[in-house]
Amino acid sequence: MPEGARAFDICAGDADALCAVLQWRLHEPKVAQMVSGPLCVTDSLGNFPVFPGDELLVCNVPIQVSRTPVTQTPARHATVQYLDCRGPASLLWHLQAKGTIPTSAKVCSSLLVNHLLQGKFRGWALVGAYGSAVQFDSEAQALAPGCSAGERKRLQQLGEAISYNAGVLHPRYVYMEPAHLYAQLARYDDPLDFLQAEPVAAELDGVFQSDLQKALAWKPYWKDAHATVYVLPDEGWAYRVARQLKSRLAVLNPGRAIAVLSPAGSGSVRVAVQSGLDVRATVAPKKWLIEKLPLNEVDNFVGAFSASGWGGLRSPVFRAWS
């Protein structure tokens, strides 16, 4: 690096992104400033000045050319490496991206890096995959024959706990800043050693289990024979658990459509909807997301939700709020 240049590792705070960067840094050590945060602030992570000679390692951060200083002169002479399975999009047309890492949408970023490093840090790849989307579980299992069932369970719990910590809907309620968590993870080549030595994994899982129990005990706002609506309170646990609750309720009640309304600030709620999972044999489950629904429109939404017949997979009739 040129004298005075800086190195940044920029990534989302979920298990997939953190474990992808961690694998690469264990392979290619470098003193770098970690720039990370919960998923609700990921869009803003790349919005800081970059200068000639700076080195950026970017993972799972959607940097937009139109609005970030990263793409402006003199930043175009910075070096950028991408570890993002979704691809570098248009950023690399504006930067001299030396050493760009191949990308693939067929695997999550942790599994992509595991492939590039020929399984050198397979344990962390498993943690990232288990904490990523459900469709990567089969790929994770393919890497896991060398682990016992107990070890696989522990790695899965760690990945899910890391991603749960990042899934908070408001940064005020994040349990642990992802950059601080990464600093603890990065001390260990093997996640099983991390689990043995550090209490933070148990802390994160404890927060998740406590939040989930509160959410599952929360009484529905409305329900009929086919669907249920939950309106969560304006409390910290609701901001943390909202992303997970809909999926958990769908598993517990596969024949019911679920709508989870969680606090979104400024007198509004965020609405996440999913049809019953038991329709998968014939029709893929439908999903819907309304980022900001005014509180005074909640009852109108419930009426529209009921009329849309999610249990019977009729078309939604609440497009006005999308």
C-alpha atoms as a PDB file:
ATOM      1  CA  MET A   1       0.000   0.000   0.000  1.00  0.00           C
ATOM      2  CA  PRO A   2       1.233   3.538  -0.711  1.00  0.00           C
ATOM      3  CA  GLU A   3       2.283   5.577   2.311  1.00  0.00           C
ATOM      4  CA  GLY A   4      -0.759   7.150   3.972  1.00  0.00           C
ATOM      5  CA  ALA A   5      -3.226   4.840   2.225  1.00  0.00           C
ATOM      6  CA  ARG A   6      -5.866   3.042   4.261  1.00  0.00           C
ATOM      7  CA  ALA A   7      -7.497  -0.394   4.143  1.00  0.00           C
ATOM      8  CA  PHE A   8     -11.200  -0.971   4.798  1.00  0.00           C
ATOM      9  CA  ASP A   9     -13.220  -4.153   5.129  1.00  0.00           C
ATOM     10  CA  ILE A  10     -16.822  -3.163   4.329  1.00  0.00           C
ATOM     11  CA  CYS A  11     -19.562  -5.695   4.854  1.00  0.00           C
ATOM     12  CA  ALA A  12     -23.083  -6.319   6.079  1.00  0.00           C
ATOM     13  CA  GLY A  13     -23.356  -7.554   9.651  1.00  0.00           C
ATOM     14  CA  ASP A  14     -24.971 -10.935   9.013  1.00  0.00           C
ATOM     15  CA  ALA A  15     -23.172 -14.266   9.363  1.00  0.00           C
ATOM     16  CA  ASP A  16     -22.681 -14.743   5.622  1.00  0.00           C
ATOM     17  CA  ALA A  17     -20.895 -11.421   5.097  1.00  0.00           C
ATOM     18  CA  LEU A  18     -18.830 -11.485   8.298  1.00  0.00           C
ATOM     19  CA  CYS A  19     -17.708 -15.074   7.732  1.00  0.00           C
ATOM     20  CA  ALA A  20     -16.821 -14.403   4.102  1.00  0.00           C
ATOM     21  CA  VAL A  21     -14.580 -11.481   5.069  1.00  0.00           C
ATOM     22  CA  LEU A  22     -13.177 -13.428   8.014  1.00  0.00           C
ATOM     23  CA  GLN A  23     -12.112 -16.345   5.809  1.00  0.00           C
ATOM     24  CA  TRP A  24     -10.384 -13.982   3.391  1.00  0.00           C
ATOM     25  CA  ARG A  25      -8.568 -12.097   6.157  1.00  0.00           C
ATOM     26  CA  LEU A  26      -7.381 -15.323   7.759  1.00  0.00           C
ATOM     27  CA  HIS A  27      -6.011 -16.251   4.332  1.00  0.00           C
ATOM     28  CA  GLU A  28      -4.646 -12.771   3.527  1.00  0.00           C
ATOM     29  CA  PRO A  29      -3.981 -10.904   6.797  1.00  0.00           C
ATOM     30  CA  LYS A  30      -4.066  -7.131   6.645  1.00  0.00           C
ATOM     31  CA  VAL A  31      -4.576  -4.363   9.194  1.00  0.00           C
ATOM     32  CA  ALA A  32      -7.893  -2.941   8.034  1.00  0.00           C
ATOM     33  CA  GLN A  33     -10.713  -0.913   9.530  1.00  0.00           C
ATOM     34  CA  MET A  34     -13.930  -2.937   9.711  1.00  0.00           C
ATOM     35  CA  VAL A  35     -16.976  -1.009   8.515  1.00  0.00           C
ATOM     36  CA  SER A  36     -20.125  -2.982   9.277  1.00  0.00           C
ATOM     37  CA  GLY A  37     -23.547  -2.672  10.844  1.00  0.00           C
ATOM     38  CA  PRO A  38     -26.984  -4.249  11.120  1.00  0.00           C
ATOM     39  CA  LEU A  39     -28.890  -4.937   7.921  1.00  0.00           C
ATOM     40  CA  CYS A  40     -31.091  -1.878   8.395  1.00  0.00           C
ATOM     41  CA  VAL A  41     -28.071   0.416   7.789  1.00  0.00           C
ATOM     42  CA  THR A  42     -26.244  -1.671   5.175  1.00  0.00           C
ATOM     43  CA  ASP A  43     -27.143   0.710   2.338  1.00  0.00           C
ATOM     44  CA  SER A  44     -25.164   3.521   3.983  1.00  0.00           C
ATOM     45  CA  LEU A  45     -21.984   1.580   4.776  1.00  0.00           C
ATOM     46  CA  GLY A  46     -20.206   2.556   1.561  1.00  0.00           C
ATOM     47  CA  ASN A  47     -21.009   6.246   1.910  1.00  0.00           C
ATOM     48  CA  PHE A  48     -17.645   7.656   3.074  1.00  0.00           C
ATOM     49  CA  PRO A  49     -14.666   9.320   1.340  1.00  0.00           C
ATOM     50  CA  VAL A  50     -12.135   7.066  -0.365  1.00  0.00           C
ATOM     51  CA  PHE A  51      -8.781   8.342  -1.639  1.00  0.00           C
ATOM     52  CA  PRO A  52      -6.143   7.190  -4.165  1.00  0.00           C
ATOM     53  CA  GLY A  53      -4.269   4.149  -2.939  1.00  0.00           C
ATOM     54  CA  ASP A  54      -6.929   3.073  -0.449  1.00  0.00           C
ATOM     55  CA  GLU A  55      -7.816  -0.615  -0.475  1.00  0.00           C
ATOM     56  CA  LEU A  56     -11.412  -1.780  -0.045  1.00  0.00           C
ATOM     57  CA  LEU A  57     -12.659  -5.301   0.582  1.00  0.00           C
ATOM     58  CA  VAL A  58     -16.449  -5.280   0.059  1.00  0.00           C
ATOM     59  CA  CYS A  59     -18.947  -8.017   0.866  1.00  0.00           C
ATOM     60  CA  ASN A  60     -22.759  -7.958   0.624  1.00  0.00           C
ATOM     61  CA  VAL A  61     -23.011  -4.175   0.551  1.00  0.00           C
ATOM     62  CA  PRO A  62     -25.101  -2.654  -2.280  1.00  0.00           C
ATOM     63  CA  ILE A  63     -22.930   0.381  -3.052  1.00  0.00           C
ATOM     64  CA  GLN A  64     -24.836   2.658  -5.440  1.00  0.00           C
ATOM     65  CA  VAL A  65     -22.797   4.583  -8.004  1.00  0.00           C
ATOM     66  CA  SER A  66     -25.210   7.491  -8.088  1.00  0.00           C
ATOM     67  CA  ARG A  67     -24.891   8.577  -4.485  1.00  0.00           C
ATOM     68  CA  THR A  68     -21.665   7.489  -2.828  1.00  0.00           C
ATOM     69  CA  PRO A  69     -18.284   9.263  -2.692  1.00  0.00           C
ATOM     70  CA  VAL A  70     -16.632   5.862  -3.198  1.00  0.00           C
ATOM     71  CA  THR A  71     -17.181   6.249  -6.935  1.00  0.00           C
ATOM     72  CA  GLN A  72     -16.010   9.826  -7.264  1.00  0.00           C
ATOM     73  CA  THR A  73     -12.629  11.183  -8.344  1.00  0.00           C
ATOM     74  CA  PRO A  74     -10.014  10.750  -6.865  1.00  0.00           C
ATOM     75  CA  ALA A  75     -11.466   7.530  -5.382  1.00  0.00           C
ATOM     76  CA  ARG A  76     -11.421   5.898  -8.815  1.00  0.00           C
ATOM     77  CA  HIS A  77      -7.798   4.985  -8.203  1.00  0.00           C
ATOM     78  CA  ALA A  78      -8.566   2.956  -5.101  1.00  0.00           C
ATOM     79  CA  THR A  79      -8.269  -0.826  -5.165  1.00  0.00           C
ATOM     80  CA  VAL A  80     -11.472  -2.794  -4.648  1.00  0.00           C
ATOM     81  CA  GLN A  81     -11.944  -6.492  -4.055  1.00  0.00           C
ATOM     82  CA  TYR A  82     -15.439  -7.965  -4.057  1.00  0.00           C
ATOM     83  CA  LEU A  83     -16.496 -11.021  -2.063  1.00  0.00           C
ATOM     84  CA  ASP A  84     -20.149 -10.556  -2.916  1.00  0.00           C
ATOM     85  CA  CYS A  85     -22.027 -13.538  -4.382  1.00  0.00           C
ATOM     86  CA  ARG A  86     -24.455 -11.099  -6.042  1.00  0.00           C
ATOM     87  CA  GLY A  87     -21.706  -9.525  -8.136  1.00  0.00           C
ATOM     88  CA  PRO A  88     -20.106  -6.065  -8.112  1.00  0.00           C
ATOM     89  CA  ALA A  89     -22.898  -4.462 -10.158  1.00  0.00           C
ATOM     90  CA  SER A  90     -21.883  -1.153 -11.741  1.00  0.00           C
ATOM     91  CA  LEU A  91     -19.332  -0.017  -9.174  1.00  0.00           C
ATOM     92  CA  LEU A  92     -16.443  -1.707 -10.944  1.00  0.00           C
ATOM     93  CA  TRP A  93     -17.069   0.290 -14.096  1.00  0.00           C
ATOM     94  CA  HIS A  94     -16.013   3.367 -12.126  1.00  0.00           C
ATOM     95  CA  LEU A  95     -13.159   1.990 -10.021  1.00  0.00           C
ATOM     96  CA  GLN A  96      -9.912   0.309 -10.899  1.00  0.00           C
ATOM     97  CA  ALA A  97     -10.964  -2.999  -9.365  1.00  0.00           C
ATOM     98  CA  LYS A  98      -7.692  -4.860  -9.094  1.00  0.00           C
ATOM     99  CA  GLY A  99      -7.947  -8.438  -7.923  1.00  0.00           C
ATOM    100  CA  THR A 100     -11.702  -8.659  -8.325  1.00  0.00           C
ATOM    101  CA  ILE A 101     -12.921 -11.982  -6.957  1.00  0.00           C
ATOM    102  CA  PRO A 102     -15.241 -14.109  -9.128  1.00  0.00           C
ATOM    103  CA  THR A 103     -18.882 -14.036  -8.094  1.00  0.00           C
ATOM    104  CA  SER A 104     -21.785 -16.447  -8.292  1.00  0.00           C
ATOM    105  CA  ALA A 105     -25.430 -16.086  -7.313  1.00  0.00           C
ATOM    106  CA  LYS A 106     -25.701 -19.873  -6.902  1.00  0.00           C
ATOM    107  CA  VAL A 107     -24.031 -19.875  -3.485  1.00  0.00           C
ATOM    108  CA  CYS A 108     -23.855 -17.506  -0.551  1.00  0.00           C
ATOM    109  CA  SER A 109     -20.716 -15.396  -0.111  1.00  0.00           C
ATOM    110  CA  SER A 110     -19.222 -17.627   2.617  1.00  0.00           C
ATOM    111  CA  LEU A 111     -19.495 -20.708   0.424  1.00  0.00           C
ATOM    112  CA  LEU A 112     -18.061 -18.756  -2.505  1.00  0.00           C
ATOM    113  CA  VAL A 113     -14.965 -17.819  -0.485  1.00  0.00           C
ATOM    114  CA  ASN A 114     -14.701 -21.372   0.836  1.00  0.00           C
ATOM    115  CA  HIS A 115     -14.516 -22.567  -2.783  1.00  0.00           C
ATOM    116  CA  LEU A 116     -11.892 -19.974  -3.689  1.00  0.00           C
ATOM    117  CA  LEU A 117      -9.759 -20.940  -0.669  1.00  0.00           C
ATOM    118  CA  GLN A 118     -10.286 -24.674  -1.277  1.00  0.00           C
ATOM    119  CA  GLY A 119     -11.912 -25.265   2.090  1.00  0.00           C
ATOM    120  CA  LYS A 120      -9.072 -23.754   4.122  1.00  0.00           C
ATOM    121  CA  PHE A 121     -11.448 -22.331   6.746  1.00  0.00           C
ATOM    122  CA  ARG A 122     -14.415 -24.600   6.211  1.00  0.00           C
ATOM    123  CA  GLY A 123     -15.774 -24.112   9.724  1.00  0.00           C
ATOM    124  CA  TRP A 124     -16.387 -20.409   9.181  1.00  0.00           C
ATOM    125  CA  ALA A 125     -17.906 -21.139   5.766  1.00  0.00           C
ATOM    126  CA  LEU A 126     -20.401 -23.422   7.493  1.00  0.00           C
ATOM    127  CA  VAL A 127     -21.257 -20.757  10.068  1.00  0.00           C
ATOM    128  CA  GLY A 128     -21.914 -18.243   7.292  1.00  0.00           C
ATOM    129  CA  ALA A 129     -23.994 -20.675   5.251  1.00  0.00           C
ATOM    130  CA  TYR A 130     -26.077 -21.801   8.212  1.00  0.00           C
ATOM    131  CA  GLY A 131     -26.753 -18.151   9.037  1.00  0.00           C
ATOM    132  CA  SER A 132     -27.680 -17.357   5.451  1.00  0.00           C
ATOM    133  CA  ALA A 133     -30.850 -18.119   3.513  1.00  0.00           C
ATOM    134  CA  VAL A 134     -32.498 -21.526   3.842  1.00  0.00           C
ATOM    135  CA  GLN A 135     -31.625 -22.546   0.273  1.00  0.00           C
ATOM    136  CA  PHE A 136     -27.948 -22.806   1.199  1.00  0.00           C
ATOM    137  CA  ASP A 137     -28.507 -25.446   3.907  1.00  0.00           C
ATOM    138  CA  SER A 138     -27.937 -28.295   1.445  1.00  0.00           C
ATOM    139  CA  GLU A 139     -24.618 -26.821   0.318  1.00  0.00           C
ATOM    140  CA  ALA A 140     -23.628 -26.377   3.959  1.00  0.00           C
ATOM    141  CA  GLN A 141     -24.492 -29.988   4.722  1.00  0.00           C
ATOM    142  CA  ALA A 142     -22.301 -31.078   1.822  1.00  0.00           C
ATOM    143  CA  LEU A 143     -19.322 -29.439   3.550  1.00  0.00           C
ATOM    144  CA  ALA A 144     -20.102 -30.884   6.961  1.00  0.00           C
ATOM    145  CA  PRO A 145     -19.299 -34.651   6.850  1.00  0.00           C
ATOM    146  CA  GLY A 146     -16.164 -34.058   8.927  1.00  0.00           C
ATOM    147  CA  CYS A 147     -18.234 -32.579  11.754  1.00  0.00           C
ATOM    148  CA  SER A 148     -20.232 -34.510  14.304  1.00  0.00           C
ATOM    149  CA  ALA A 149     -23.960 -33.873  14.616  1.00  0.00           C
ATOM    150  CA  GLY A 150     -23.293 -31.922  17.808  1.00  0.00           C
ATOM    151  CA  GLU A 151     -20.660 -29.755  16.134  1.00  0.00           C
ATOM    152  CA  ARG A 152     -22.945 -29.040  13.172  1.00  0.00           C
ATOM    153  CA  LYS A 153     -25.698 -27.976  15.552  1.00  0.00           C
ATOM    154  CA  ARG A 154     -23.342 -25.618  17.404  1.00  0.00           C
ATOM    155  CA  LEU A 155     -22.109 -24.062  14.152  1.00  0.00           C
ATOM    156  CA  GLN A 156     -25.684 -23.626  12.964  1.00  0.00           C
ATOM    157  CA  GLN A 157     -26.713 -21.957  16.225  1.00  0.00           C
ATOM    158  CA  LEU A 158     -23.738 -19.598  15.935  1.00  0.00           C
ATOM    159  CA  GLY A 159     -24.570 -18.638  12.351  1.00  0.00           C
ATOM    160  CA  GLU A 160     -28.219 -18.081  13.175  1.00  0.00           C
ATOM    161  CA  ALA A 161     -27.333 -16.022  16.263  1.00  0.00           C
ATOM    162  CA  ILE A 162     -24.948 -13.777  14.302  1.00  0.00           C
ATOM    163  CA  SER A 163     -27.552 -13.181  11.602  1.00  0.00           C
ATOM    164  CA  TYR A 164     -30.263 -12.595  14.192  1.00  0.00           C
ATOM    165  CA  ASN A 165     -28.095  -9.901  15.773  1.00  0.00           C
ATOM    166  CA  ALA A 166     -27.811  -8.181  12.377  1.00  0.00           C
ATOM    167  CA  GLY A 167     -31.502  -8.474  11.505  1.00  0.00           C
ATOM    168  CA  VAL A 168     -32.697  -5.765  13.899  1.00  0.00           C
ATOM    169  CA  LEU A 169     -35.065  -3.247  12.279  1.00  0.00           C
ATOM    170  CA  HIS A 170     -33.580  -0.229  14.103  1.00  0.00           C
ATOM    171  CA  PRO A 171     -29.862   0.193  14.937  1.00  0.00           C
ATOM    172  CA  ARG A 172     -30.724   1.479  18.413  1.00  0.00           C
ATOM    173  CA  TYR A 173     -31.755  -2.026  19.462  1.00  0.00           C
ATOM    174  CA  VAL A 174     -28.876  -4.079  18.074  1.00  0.00           C
ATOM    175  CA  TYR A 175     -27.470  -6.253  20.852  1.00  0.00           C
ATOM    176  CA  MET A 176     -23.850  -6.110  19.665  1.00  0.00           C
ATOM    177  CA  GLU A 177     -22.358  -3.956  16.942  1.00  0.00           C
ATOM    178  CA  PRO A 178     -21.314  -6.317  14.117  1.00  0.00           C
ATOM    179  CA  ALA A 179     -17.868  -4.696  13.831  1.00  0.00           C
ATOM    180  CA  HIS A 180     -17.228  -5.431  17.526  1.00  0.00           C
ATOM    181  CA  LEU A 181     -18.520  -8.975  17.118  1.00  0.00           C
ATOM    182  CA  TYR A 182     -16.264  -9.482  14.093  1.00  0.00           C
ATOM    183  CA  ALA A 183     -13.212  -8.462  16.155  1.00  0.00           C
ATOM    184  CA  GLN A 184     -13.972 -11.329  18.532  1.00  0.00           C
ATOM    185  CA  LEU A 185     -14.620 -13.844  15.760  1.00  0.00           C
ATOM    186  CA  ALA A 186     -11.390 -12.898  13.975  1.00  0.00           C
ATOM    187  CA  ARG A 187      -9.226 -14.139  16.841  1.00  0.00           C
ATOM    188  CA  TYR A 188      -9.936 -17.749  15.900  1.00  0.00           C
ATOM    189  CA  ASP A 189      -9.133 -19.887  12.849  1.00  0.00           C
ATOM    190  CA  ASP A 190     -11.810 -22.382  13.892  1.00  0.00           C
ATOM    191  CA  PRO A 191     -15.311 -21.394  15.073  1.00  0.00           C
ATOM    192  CA  LEU A 192     -15.385 -24.363  17.450  1.00  0.00           C
ATOM    193  CA  ASP A 193     -12.424 -22.820  19.281  1.00  0.00           C
ATOM    194  CA  PHE A 194     -14.329 -19.525  19.388  1.00  0.00           C
ATOM    195  CA  LEU A 195     -17.363 -21.275  20.877  1.00  0.00           C
ATOM    196  CA  GLN A 196     -15.185 -22.953  23.482  1.00  0.00           C
ATOM    197  CA  ALA A 197     -13.428 -19.758  24.600  1.00  0.00           C
ATOM    198  CA  GLU A 198     -15.929 -16.916  24.189  1.00  0.00           C
ATOM    199  CA  PRO A 199     -19.323 -16.427  25.917  1.00  0.00           C
ATOM    200  CA  VAL A 200     -20.742 -14.094  23.266  1.00  0.00           C
ATOM    201  CA  ALA A 201     -22.341 -16.869  21.196  1.00  0.00           C
ATOM    202  CA  ALA A 202     -24.372 -18.018  24.182  1.00  0.00           C
ATOM    203  CA  GLU A 203     -25.283 -14.395  24.928  1.00  0.00           C
ATOM    204  CA  LEU A 204     -26.560 -13.816  21.391  1.00  0.00           C
ATOM    205  CA  ASP A 205     -28.539 -17.059  21.392  1.00  0.00           C
ATOM    206  CA  GLY A 206     -29.967 -16.140  24.807  1.00  0.00           C
ATOM    207  CA  VAL A 207     -31.195 -12.802  23.471  1.00  0.00           C
ATOM    208  CA  PHE A 208     -32.787 -14.543  20.491  1.00  0.00           C
ATOM    209  CA  GLN A 209     -34.556 -17.151  22.617  1.00  0.00           C
ATOM    210  CA  SER A 210     -35.807 -14.516  25.080  1.00  0.00           C
ATOM    211  CA  ASP A 211     -37.101 -12.257  22.290  1.00  0.00           C
ATOM    212  CA  LEU A 212     -38.738 -15.186  20.526  1.00  0.00           C
ATOM    213  CA  GLN A 213     -40.548 -16.371  23.647  1.00  0.00           C
ATOM    214  CA  LYS A 214     -41.953 -12.880  24.200  1.00  0.00           C
ATOM    215  CA  ALA A 215     -43.089 -12.733  20.586  1.00  0.00           C
ATOM    216  CA  LEU A 216     -44.709 -16.177  20.587  1.00  0.00           C
ATOM    217  CA  ALA A 217     -46.570 -15.292  23.778  1.00  0.00           C
ATOM    218  CA  TRP A 218     -47.911 -12.072  22.213  1.00  0.00           C
ATOM    219  CA  LYS A 219     -51.635 -12.318  21.535  1.00  0.00           C
ATOM    220  CA  PRO A 220     -52.825 -11.977  17.927  1.00  0.00           C
ATOM    221  CA  TYR A 221     -54.463  -8.697  16.982  1.00  0.00           C
ATOM    222  CA  TRP A 222     -56.903 -10.519  14.686  1.00  0.00           C
ATOM    223  CA  LYS A 223     -57.465 -13.997  13.284  1.00  0.00           C
ATOM    224  CA  ASP A 224     -59.998 -16.056  11.360  1.00  0.00           C
ATOM    225  CA  ALA A 225     -60.083 -19.646  10.154  1.00  0.00           C
ATOM    226  CA  HIS A 226     -57.219 -19.156   7.676  1.00  0.00           C
ATOM    227  CA  ALA A 227     -55.075 -16.181   8.739  1.00  0.00           C
ATOM    228  CA  THR A 228     -53.581 -14.346  11.728  1.00  0.00           C
ATOM    229  CA  VAL A 229     -52.378 -10.761  12.228  1.00  0.00           C
ATOM    230  CA  TYR A 230     -49.876  -9.804  14.945  1.00  0.00           C
ATOM    231  CA  VAL A 231     -49.195  -6.179  15.914  1.00  0.00           C
ATOM    232  CA  LEU A 232     -45.972  -5.991  17.932  1.00  0.00           C
ATOM    233  CA  PRO A 233     -45.324  -3.279  20.546  1.00  0.00           C
ATOM    234  CA  ASP A 234     -42.809  -0.455  20.269  1.00  0.00           C
ATOM    235  CA  GLU A 235     -40.196  -2.290  22.361  1.00  0.00           C
ATOM    236  CA  GLY A 236     -36.630  -3.392  21.704  1.00  0.00           C
ATOM    237  CA  TRP A 237     -37.385  -7.111  21.423  1.00  0.00           C
ATOM    238  CA  ALA A 238     -39.969  -6.425  18.714  1.00  0.00           C
ATOM    239  CA  TYR A 239     -37.411  -4.571  16.560  1.00  0.00           C
ATOM    240  CA  ARG A 240     -35.041  -7.530  16.891  1.00  0.00           C
ATOM    241  CA  VAL A 241     -37.396 -10.470  16.444  1.00  0.00           C
ATOM    242  CA  ALA A 242     -39.744  -9.194  13.711  1.00  0.00           C
ATOM    243  CA  ARG A 243     -37.790 -10.698  10.771  1.00  0.00           C
ATOM    244  CA  GLN A 244     -37.633 -14.119  12.435  1.00  0.00           C
ATOM    245  CA  LEU A 245     -41.145 -14.223  13.859  1.00  0.00           C
ATOM    246  CA  LYS A 246     -43.020 -14.503  10.568  1.00  0.00           C
ATOM    247  CA  SER A 247     -40.931 -17.493   9.466  1.00  0.00           C
ATOM    248  CA  ARG A 248     -41.222 -19.198  12.852  1.00  0.00           C
ATOM    249  CA  LEU A 249     -44.990 -18.707  12.967  1.00  0.00           C
ATOM    250  CA  ALA A 250     -45.321 -20.028   9.424  1.00  0.00           C
ATOM    251  CA  VAL A 251     -43.519 -23.240  10.450  1.00  0.00           C
ATOM    252  CA  LEU A 252     -45.642 -23.613  13.586  1.00  0.00           C
ATOM    253  CA  ASN A 253     -48.858 -22.933  11.658  1.00  0.00           C
ATOM    254  CA  PRO A 254     -48.238 -24.162   8.080  1.00  0.00           C
ATOM    255  CA  GLY A 255     -51.887 -23.932   7.106  1.00  0.00           C
ATOM    256  CA  ARG A 256     -52.324 -20.277   8.052  1.00  0.00           C
ATOM    257  CA  ALA A 257     -51.368 -17.023   6.394  1.00  0.00           C
ATOM    258  CA  ILE A 258     -49.369 -14.770   8.732  1.00  0.00           C
ATOM    259  CA  ALA A 259     -49.054 -10.973   8.900  1.00  0.00           C
ATOM    260  CA  VAL A 260     -46.575  -9.467  11.359  1.00  0.00           C
ATOM    261  CA  LEU A 261     -46.825  -5.701  11.937  1.00  0.00           C
ATOM    262  CA  SER A 262     -43.731  -4.387  13.712  1.00  0.00           C
ATOM    263  CA  PRO A 263     -42.795  -0.838  14.795  1.00  0.00           C
ATOM    264  CA  ALA A 264     -41.295   1.317  12.045  1.00  0.00           C
ATOM    265  CA  GLY A 265     -41.180   4.704  13.812  1.00  0.00           C
ATOM    266  CA  SER A 266     -42.969   7.964  12.992  1.00  0.00           C
ATOM    267  CA  GLY A 267     -46.391   6.551  13.768  1.00  0.00           C
ATOM    268  CA  SER A 268     -46.134   3.638  11.344  1.00  0.00           C
ATOM    269  CA  VAL A 269     -45.581  -0.110  11.239  1.00  0.00           C
ATOM    270  CA  ARG A 270     -43.737  -2.468   8.914  1.00  0.00           C
ATOM    271  CA  VAL A 271     -45.931  -5.238   7.533  1.00  0.00           C
ATOM    272  CA  ALA A 272     -44.548  -8.644   6.541  1.00  0.00           C
ATOM    273  CA  VAL A 273     -47.021 -11.168   5.104  1.00  0.00           C
ATOM    274  CA  GLN A 274     -46.688 -14.795   4.060  1.00  0.00           C
ATOM    275  CA  SER A 275     -49.216 -17.360   2.896  1.00  0.00           C
ATOM    276  CA  GLY A 276     -49.406 -20.828   4.415  1.00  0.00           C
ATOM    277  CA  LEU A 277     -46.379 -23.073   3.856  1.00  0.00           C
ATOM    278  CA  ASP A 278     -48.497 -26.150   3.200  1.00  0.00           C
ATOM    279  CA  VAL A 279     -49.333 -24.886  -0.308  1.00  0.00           C
ATOM    280  CA  ARG A 280     -45.791 -25.584  -1.506  1.00  0.00           C
ATOM    281  CA  ALA A 281     -46.835 -28.857  -3.108  1.00  0.00           C
ATOM    282  CA  THR A 282     -48.842 -26.955  -5.703  1.00  0.00           C
ATOM    283  CA  VAL A 283     -48.050 -23.215  -5.468  1.00  0.00           C
ATOM    284  CA  ALA A 284     -45.051 -21.377  -4.062  1.00  0.00           C
ATOM    285  CA  PRO A 285     -45.955 -19.416  -0.897  1.00  0.00           C
ATOM    286  CA  LYS A 286     -46.752 -15.763  -1.563  1.00  0.00           C
ATOM    287  CA  LYS A 287     -45.013 -13.014   0.383  1.00  0.00           C
ATOM    288  CA  TRP A 288     -45.670  -9.325   0.762  1.00  0.00           C
ATOM    289  CA  LEU A 289     -43.866  -6.429   2.439  1.00  0.00           C
ATOM    290  CA  ILE A 290     -45.154  -2.947   3.278  1.00  0.00           C
ATOM    291  CA  GLU A 291     -42.361  -0.803   4.707  1.00  0.00           C
ATOM    292  CA  LYS A 292     -44.509   1.903   6.303  1.00  0.00           C
ATOM    293  CA  LEU A 293     -48.198   1.505   7.089  1.00  0.00           C
ATOM    294  CA  PRO A 294     -49.716   4.392   9.115  1.00  0.00           C
ATOM    295  CA  LEU A 295     -51.019   3.196  12.481  1.00  0.00           C
ATOM    296  CA  ASN A 296     -54.430   4.638  11.733  1.00  0.00           C
ATOM    297  CA  GLU A 297     -54.609   2.335   8.695  1.00  0.00           C
ATOM    298  CA  VAL A 298     -54.051  -0.911  10.619  1.00  0.00           C
ATOM    299  CA  ASP A 299     -57.728  -1.846  10.797  1.00  0.00           C
ATOM    300  CA  ASN A 300     -58.166  -1.039   7.111  1.00  0.00           C
ATOM    301  CA  PHE A 301     -55.212  -3.292   6.360  1.00  0.00           C
ATOM    302  CA  VAL A 302     -56.722  -6.115   8.427  1.00  0.00           C
ATOM    303  CA  GLY A 303     -59.924  -5.814   6.430  1.00  0.00           C
ATOM    304  CA  ALA A 304     -57.996  -5.969   3.163  1.00  0.00           C
ATOM    305  CA  PHE A 305     -55.858  -8.846   4.438  1.00  0.00           C
ATOM    306  CA  SER A 306     -58.969 -10.812   5.344  1.00  0.00           C
ATOM    307  CA  ALA A 307     -60.611 -10.074   2.000  1.00  0.00           C
ATOM    308  CA  SER A 308     -57.492 -11.083   0.067  1.00  0.00           C
ATOM    309  CA  GLY A 309     -57.948 -14.683   1.164  1.00  0.00           C
ATOM    310  CA  TRP A 310     -54.311 -15.592   1.737  1.00  0.00           C
ATOM    311  CA  GLY A 311     -55.367 -18.958   3.059  1.00  0.00           C
ATOM    312  CA  GLY A 312     -56.903 -19.677  -0.325  1.00  0.00           C
ATOM    313  CA  LEU A 313     -54.148 -17.892  -2.286  1.00  0.00           C
ATOM    314  CA  ARG A 314     -56.375 -15.315  -3.906  1.00  0.00           C
ATOM    315  CA  SER A 315     -54.597 -12.170  -5.104  1.00  0.00           C
ATOM    316  CA  PRO A 316     -53.823  -9.517  -2.448  1.00  0.00           C
ATOM    317  CA  VAL A 317     -56.042  -6.445  -2.462  1.00  0.00           C
ATOM    318  CA  PHE A 318     -53.875  -4.180  -0.298  1.00  0.00           C
ATOM    319  CA  ARG A 319     -51.543  -2.784  -2.956  1.00  0.00           C
ATOM    320  CA  ALA A 320     -52.380   0.778  -1.936  1.00  0.00           C
ATOM    321  CA  TRP A 321     -49.869   0.606   0.927  1.00  0.00           C
ATOM    322  CA  SER A 322     -46.960  -0.959  -0.965  1.00  0.00           C
END
